[in-house]
Amino acid sequence: MSEYKREIEARGQNVEAAVESGLAKLGLSRGDVIVEILDEGSRGLLGIGARDAMVRLTAMTPVKPPAPKPVEPVVAPPPPVQPIVTAVSEPEPVDEEVEEEEVVLETAVSSPSTDGDEDTEPDPEEAKVVQELLETMLDKMHVKATVHVDVSEPDDLTGRRVNVLDIQGEDLTVLIGPRGETLSSLQYITRLMAGHKLHRRASFVVDVQGYRQRRELALSRLAERMAKKALREQRPISLEPMPPYERRIIHMTLRDHKDVYTQSVGEGDRRKVRILLK
């Protein structure tokens, strides 16, 4: 039986009630989902203007769909023979405005195809194309650097590996920017260019002198430290606003924690992670 991603929205008198309602519909526990608060609700004034809280729950592991009900066969006369016409469709254009967090979450909870055709190993053609694109861009930017191609460790949920292109050189902080913002933009632009050249979506990672690996380690330690603080002080802890891929690191680090769970709250650049007690 195939497995698929589950994401639902639920309502309740308050956030906790909405979350419990959504968990009951999914048949999952709190540690199996990412909770996003869409509306904290309001009691109104003397009951006037009151509204329910609304949350979105996204399963962090694939969920098996219910078995389809058997359908009685219908005997019908054979249709008349029609000539076979083969249509050649145009390749679908690459979507250039995909929300980064949706891509990350989809990758995190997707499962391999049941027909066994999905390859968890990265495409060497993609690595070659991206390396050439980065080297051309660096040359036009007058940045002296080399691009090394490597392969990531298998994803802990899907087992998938991706190409990692690490830019090496001296004094490359200009390519990283404050909190990695320039690096994120460089990766986004390169993915668009590679997608157009390959005629499909590319999912590689661009790094600069191992910055992402160091940042991931630092964020994992931060998540564990803040979880201990939440338990020690018996109150929720809010982290600073982070880009999507950094929020995912926090979620993944604490997804199996027995005493706390995480939520993404806020909008746009102010979106952040909250660590709450179970």
Protein backbone atom coordinates (compact mmCIF):
# COMPACT_ATOMS: atom_id res chain seq x y z
CA MET A 1 0.00 0.00 0.00
CA SER A 2 1.36 3.39 -0.94
CA GLU A 3 2.04 6.04 1.71
CA TYR A 4 1.38 9.73 1.44
CA LYS A 5 1.78 13.03 3.24
CA ARG A 6 -1.10 14.15 5.51
CA GLU A 7 -1.84 17.78 6.34
CA ILE A 8 -5.09 19.01 7.87
CA GLU A 9 -6.50 22.14 9.46
CA ALA A 10 -8.50 21.88 12.68
CA ARG A 11 -10.55 24.23 14.87
CA GLY A 12 -11.33 24.39 18.58
CA GLN A 13 -12.29 26.73 21.40
CA ASN A 14 -8.57 27.32 21.95
CA VAL A 15 -5.26 26.23 20.43
CA GLU A 16 -4.98 23.13 22.61
CA ALA A 17 -8.49 22.00 21.72
CA ALA A 18 -7.81 22.56 18.01
CA VAL A 19 -4.59 20.54 18.19
CA GLU A 20 -6.31 17.66 20.01
CA SER A 21 -9.09 17.67 17.41
CA GLY A 22 -6.56 17.49 14.58
CA LEU A 23 -4.57 14.71 16.25
CA ALA A 24 -7.75 12.66 16.67
CA LYS A 25 -8.54 13.01 12.96
CA LEU A 26 -5.00 11.99 11.95
CA GLY A 27 -4.77 9.22 14.53
CA LEU A 28 -1.31 10.46 15.54
CA SER A 29 0.37 11.63 18.73
CA ARG A 30 1.74 15.12 19.33
CA GLY A 31 5.32 14.14 18.59
CA ASP A 32 4.35 12.89 15.12
CA VAL A 33 3.24 16.26 13.73
CA ILE A 34 4.39 19.82 13.14
CA VAL A 35 1.86 22.29 14.52
CA GLU A 36 1.33 25.68 12.91
CA ILE A 37 -0.98 28.18 14.61
CA LEU A 38 -3.09 29.86 11.93
CA ASP A 39 -5.39 31.76 14.32
CA GLU A 40 -5.22 31.83 18.12
CA GLY A 41 -8.94 32.63 18.27
CA SER A 42 -10.69 35.13 20.50
CA ARG A 43 -13.24 35.02 23.32
CA GLY A 44 -14.68 38.31 22.13
CA LEU A 45 -16.37 40.83 24.36
CA LEU A 46 -19.24 39.29 26.33
CA GLY A 47 -19.33 36.57 23.73
CA ILE A 48 -19.64 39.01 20.83
CA GLY A 49 -17.01 38.60 18.12
CA ALA A 50 -15.74 35.27 19.53
CA ARG A 51 -14.01 32.96 17.07
CA ASP A 52 -12.42 29.52 17.24
CA ALA A 53 -8.69 28.92 17.16
CA MET A 54 -7.38 27.26 13.98
CA VAL A 55 -4.20 25.20 13.50
CA ARG A 56 -2.57 23.25 10.69
CA LEU A 57 -1.08 19.82 11.50
CA THR A 58 1.47 18.24 9.16
CA ALA A 59 2.44 14.61 9.69
CA MET A 60 6.21 14.21 10.01
CA THR A 61 6.05 10.57 8.90
CA PRO A 62 4.13 9.02 5.98
CA VAL A 63 0.56 7.96 6.76
CA LYS A 64 -1.03 4.95 5.12
CA PRO A 65 -4.37 5.73 3.43
CA PRO A 66 -7.43 3.60 4.28
CA ALA A 67 -8.07 0.63 2.03
CA PRO A 68 -10.55 1.46 -0.73
CA LYS A 69 -14.00 -0.12 -0.49
CA PRO A 70 -14.56 -2.98 -2.96
CA VAL A 71 -16.59 -1.98 -5.98
CA GLU A 72 -18.99 -4.38 -7.63
CA PRO A 73 -17.92 -5.03 -11.22
CA VAL A 74 -20.20 -3.59 -13.85
CA VAL A 75 -20.63 -5.58 -17.03
CA ALA A 76 -20.88 -3.33 -20.03
CA PRO A 77 -20.72 -3.96 -23.75
CA PRO A 78 -17.24 -3.51 -25.22
CA PRO A 79 -16.65 -0.03 -26.61
CA PRO A 80 -16.11 0.44 -30.34
CA VAL A 81 -12.52 0.24 -31.46
CA GLN A 82 -11.00 3.72 -31.78
CA PRO A 83 -7.81 4.62 -33.62
CA ILE A 84 -4.87 5.11 -31.27
CA VAL A 85 -3.54 8.66 -31.25
CA THR A 86 -0.23 9.35 -29.53
CA ALA A 87 -0.02 12.87 -28.14
CA VAL A 88 3.32 14.44 -27.35
CA SER A 89 2.97 16.98 -24.56
CA GLU A 90 5.22 19.91 -23.88
CA PRO A 91 7.44 19.59 -20.77
CA GLU A 92 5.97 21.33 -17.76
CA PRO A 93 7.73 24.60 -16.88
CA VAL A 94 9.74 24.76 -13.68
CA ASP A 95 7.82 26.54 -10.93
CA GLU A 96 10.00 29.48 -9.98
CA GLU A 97 7.97 30.65 -6.99
CA VAL A 98 7.81 27.52 -4.82
CA GLU A 99 7.77 28.33 -1.10
CA GLU A 100 11.00 26.93 0.32
CA GLU A 101 9.46 25.55 3.51
CA GLU A 102 6.83 23.59 1.56
CA VAL A 103 9.60 21.94 -0.47
CA VAL A 104 11.50 21.05 2.68
CA LEU A 105 8.48 19.62 4.46
CA GLU A 106 7.41 17.66 1.41
CA THR A 107 10.86 16.12 1.18
CA ALA A 108 10.85 15.34 4.87
CA VAL A 109 7.60 13.36 4.91
CA SER A 110 7.54 11.83 1.42
CA SER A 111 8.17 8.13 1.00
CA PRO A 112 9.82 6.19 -1.85
CA SER A 113 7.58 5.22 -4.75
CA THR A 114 6.00 1.79 -4.46
CA ASP A 115 7.15 0.80 -7.92
CA GLY A 116 10.78 1.06 -6.81
CA ASP A 117 11.72 3.46 -9.59
CA GLU A 118 12.59 6.42 -7.35
CA ASP A 119 16.34 6.73 -6.88
CA THR A 120 17.58 7.90 -3.50
CA GLU A 121 21.03 8.66 -4.93
CA PRO A 122 21.78 12.13 -6.39
CA ASP A 123 22.03 12.69 -10.14
CA PRO A 124 25.64 13.11 -11.37
CA GLU A 125 24.40 15.13 -14.38
CA GLU A 126 22.82 17.61 -11.97
CA ALA A 127 26.09 17.96 -10.06
CA LYS A 128 28.01 18.69 -13.27
CA VAL A 129 25.51 21.30 -14.48
CA VAL A 130 25.38 23.08 -11.12
CA GLN A 131 29.16 23.08 -10.75
CA GLU A 132 29.53 24.76 -14.15
CA LEU A 133 26.83 27.33 -13.27
CA LEU A 134 28.46 28.21 -9.95
CA GLU A 135 31.93 28.50 -11.45
CA THR A 136 30.58 30.84 -14.15
CA MET A 137 28.76 32.97 -11.58
CA LEU A 138 31.82 33.19 -9.32
CA ASP A 139 33.97 34.22 -12.27
CA LYS A 140 31.56 37.01 -13.24
CA MET A 141 31.50 38.15 -9.60
CA HIS A 142 35.32 38.22 -9.60
CA VAL A 143 35.42 35.82 -6.66
CA LYS A 144 38.42 33.49 -6.62
CA ALA A 145 37.10 30.15 -5.40
CA THR A 146 36.67 26.51 -6.39
CA VAL A 147 33.53 24.38 -6.27
CA HIS A 148 33.82 20.92 -4.70
CA VAL A 149 31.08 18.34 -5.29
CA ASP A 150 30.08 15.98 -2.49
CA VAL A 151 27.03 13.91 -1.48
CA SER A 152 25.00 14.44 1.69
CA GLU A 153 24.32 11.82 4.33
CA PRO A 154 21.02 9.93 3.85
CA ASP A 155 17.98 11.79 5.14
CA ASP A 156 16.88 10.25 8.44
CA LEU A 157 13.29 9.86 7.23
CA THR A 158 13.46 9.19 3.49
CA GLY A 159 17.01 7.86 3.07
CA ARG A 160 17.47 10.30 0.20
CA ARG A 161 20.88 11.83 -0.56
CA VAL A 162 21.47 15.09 -2.46
CA ASN A 163 24.39 16.75 -4.19
CA VAL A 164 26.27 19.24 -2.02
CA LEU A 165 28.37 21.87 -3.81
CA ASP A 166 30.78 23.49 -1.37
CA ILE A 167 32.50 26.70 -2.47
CA GLN A 168 36.07 26.83 -1.12
CA GLY A 169 38.43 29.81 -1.07
CA GLU A 170 39.76 32.64 1.07
CA ASP A 171 37.59 35.28 2.74
CA LEU A 172 34.23 34.14 1.32
CA THR A 173 32.06 35.70 4.02
CA VAL A 174 30.57 37.93 1.31
CA LEU A 175 28.89 34.80 -0.13
CA ILE A 176 27.37 33.87 3.24
CA GLY A 177 25.99 37.19 4.43
CA PRO A 178 24.29 37.90 7.77
CA ARG A 179 22.82 34.66 9.15
CA GLY A 180 23.37 32.96 5.79
CA GLU A 181 20.89 35.15 3.89
CA THR A 182 23.21 35.73 0.91
CA LEU A 183 23.99 32.01 0.73
CA SER A 184 20.28 31.17 0.72
CA SER A 185 19.71 33.62 -2.14
CA LEU A 186 22.67 32.17 -4.06
CA GLN A 187 21.25 28.66 -3.69
CA TYR A 188 17.76 29.79 -4.75
CA ILE A 189 19.02 31.51 -7.90
CA THR A 190 21.23 28.56 -8.81
CA ARG A 191 18.32 26.14 -8.37
CA LEU A 192 16.20 28.19 -10.77
CA MET A 193 18.97 28.26 -13.38
CA ALA A 194 19.69 24.55 -13.01
CA GLY A 195 15.97 23.73 -13.19
CA HIS A 196 15.62 25.54 -16.51
CA LYS A 197 18.70 23.83 -17.91
CA LEU A 198 17.71 20.33 -16.74
CA HIS A 199 13.97 20.85 -17.49
CA ARG A 200 13.06 19.58 -14.01
CA ARG A 201 13.28 20.71 -10.40
CA ALA A 202 16.75 20.49 -8.89
CA SER A 203 17.24 19.75 -5.17
CA PHE A 204 20.96 20.20 -4.52
CA VAL A 205 22.53 22.20 -1.67
CA VAL A 206 25.00 25.06 -2.06
CA ASP A 207 27.42 25.62 0.83
CA VAL A 208 30.38 27.92 1.51
CA GLN A 209 33.34 26.49 3.42
CA GLY A 210 31.10 24.10 5.37
CA TYR A 211 28.95 26.91 6.81
CA ARG A 212 25.69 24.94 6.66
CA GLN A 213 27.12 21.96 8.51
CA ARG A 214 28.47 24.19 11.28
CA ARG A 215 25.16 26.07 11.47
CA GLU A 216 23.15 22.83 11.64
CA LEU A 217 25.28 21.59 14.55
CA ALA A 218 24.87 24.91 16.36
CA LEU A 219 21.08 24.91 15.86
CA SER A 220 20.77 21.31 17.07
CA ARG A 221 22.63 22.23 20.24
CA LEU A 222 20.46 25.33 20.63
CA ALA A 223 17.29 23.24 20.32
CA GLU A 224 18.44 20.79 22.99
CA ARG A 225 19.53 23.61 25.31
CA MET A 226 16.23 25.49 24.95
CA ALA A 227 14.26 22.26 25.51
CA LYS A 228 16.06 21.84 28.84
CA LYS A 229 15.30 25.47 29.69
CA ALA A 230 11.59 24.98 28.92
CA LEU A 231 11.50 21.97 31.24
CA ARG A 232 13.50 23.68 33.96
CA GLU A 233 11.32 26.81 33.96
CA GLN A 234 8.09 24.95 33.10
CA ARG A 235 7.09 27.42 30.39
CA PRO A 236 7.13 27.68 26.57
CA ILE A 237 10.30 29.05 24.96
CA SER A 238 10.25 31.09 21.72
CA LEU A 239 13.32 31.15 19.49
CA GLU A 240 14.34 34.02 17.25
CA PRO A 241 12.89 34.23 13.72
CA MET A 242 14.62 31.83 11.35
CA PRO A 243 14.49 30.91 7.64
CA PRO A 244 12.59 27.70 6.71
CA TYR A 245 15.55 25.31 6.56
CA GLU A 246 16.77 26.41 10.00
CA ARG A 247 13.31 25.96 11.53
CA ARG A 248 13.24 22.45 10.09
CA ILE A 249 16.49 21.63 11.92
CA ILE A 250 14.86 22.64 15.23
CA HIS A 251 11.73 20.57 14.45
CA MET A 252 13.75 17.51 13.45
CA THR A 253 16.09 17.74 16.45
CA LEU A 254 13.19 17.69 18.94
CA ARG A 255 10.64 15.57 17.06
CA ASP A 256 11.30 12.50 19.24
CA HIS A 257 11.71 14.38 22.53
CA LYS A 258 9.57 12.79 25.24
CA ASP A 259 8.78 16.00 27.15
CA VAL A 260 8.50 18.84 24.59
CA TYR A 261 7.14 19.52 21.12
CA THR A 262 7.61 22.36 18.62
CA GLN A 263 5.39 24.79 16.69
CA SER A 264 6.06 27.27 13.90
CA VAL A 265 4.34 30.60 14.56
CA GLY A 266 4.33 34.04 12.96
CA GLU A 267 4.30 35.25 9.38
CA GLY A 268 6.95 35.95 6.73
CA ASP A 269 10.38 36.98 7.99
CA ARG A 270 9.08 36.95 11.59
CA ARG A 271 8.23 33.24 11.52
CA LYS A 272 9.83 31.39 14.42
CA VAL A 273 9.77 28.16 16.42
CA ARG A 274 8.21 27.77 19.87
CA ILE A 275 9.16 24.91 22.19
CA LEU A 276 6.25 23.81 24.40
CA LEU A 277 5.76 21.27 27.16
CA LYS A 278 3.86 18.09 26.32
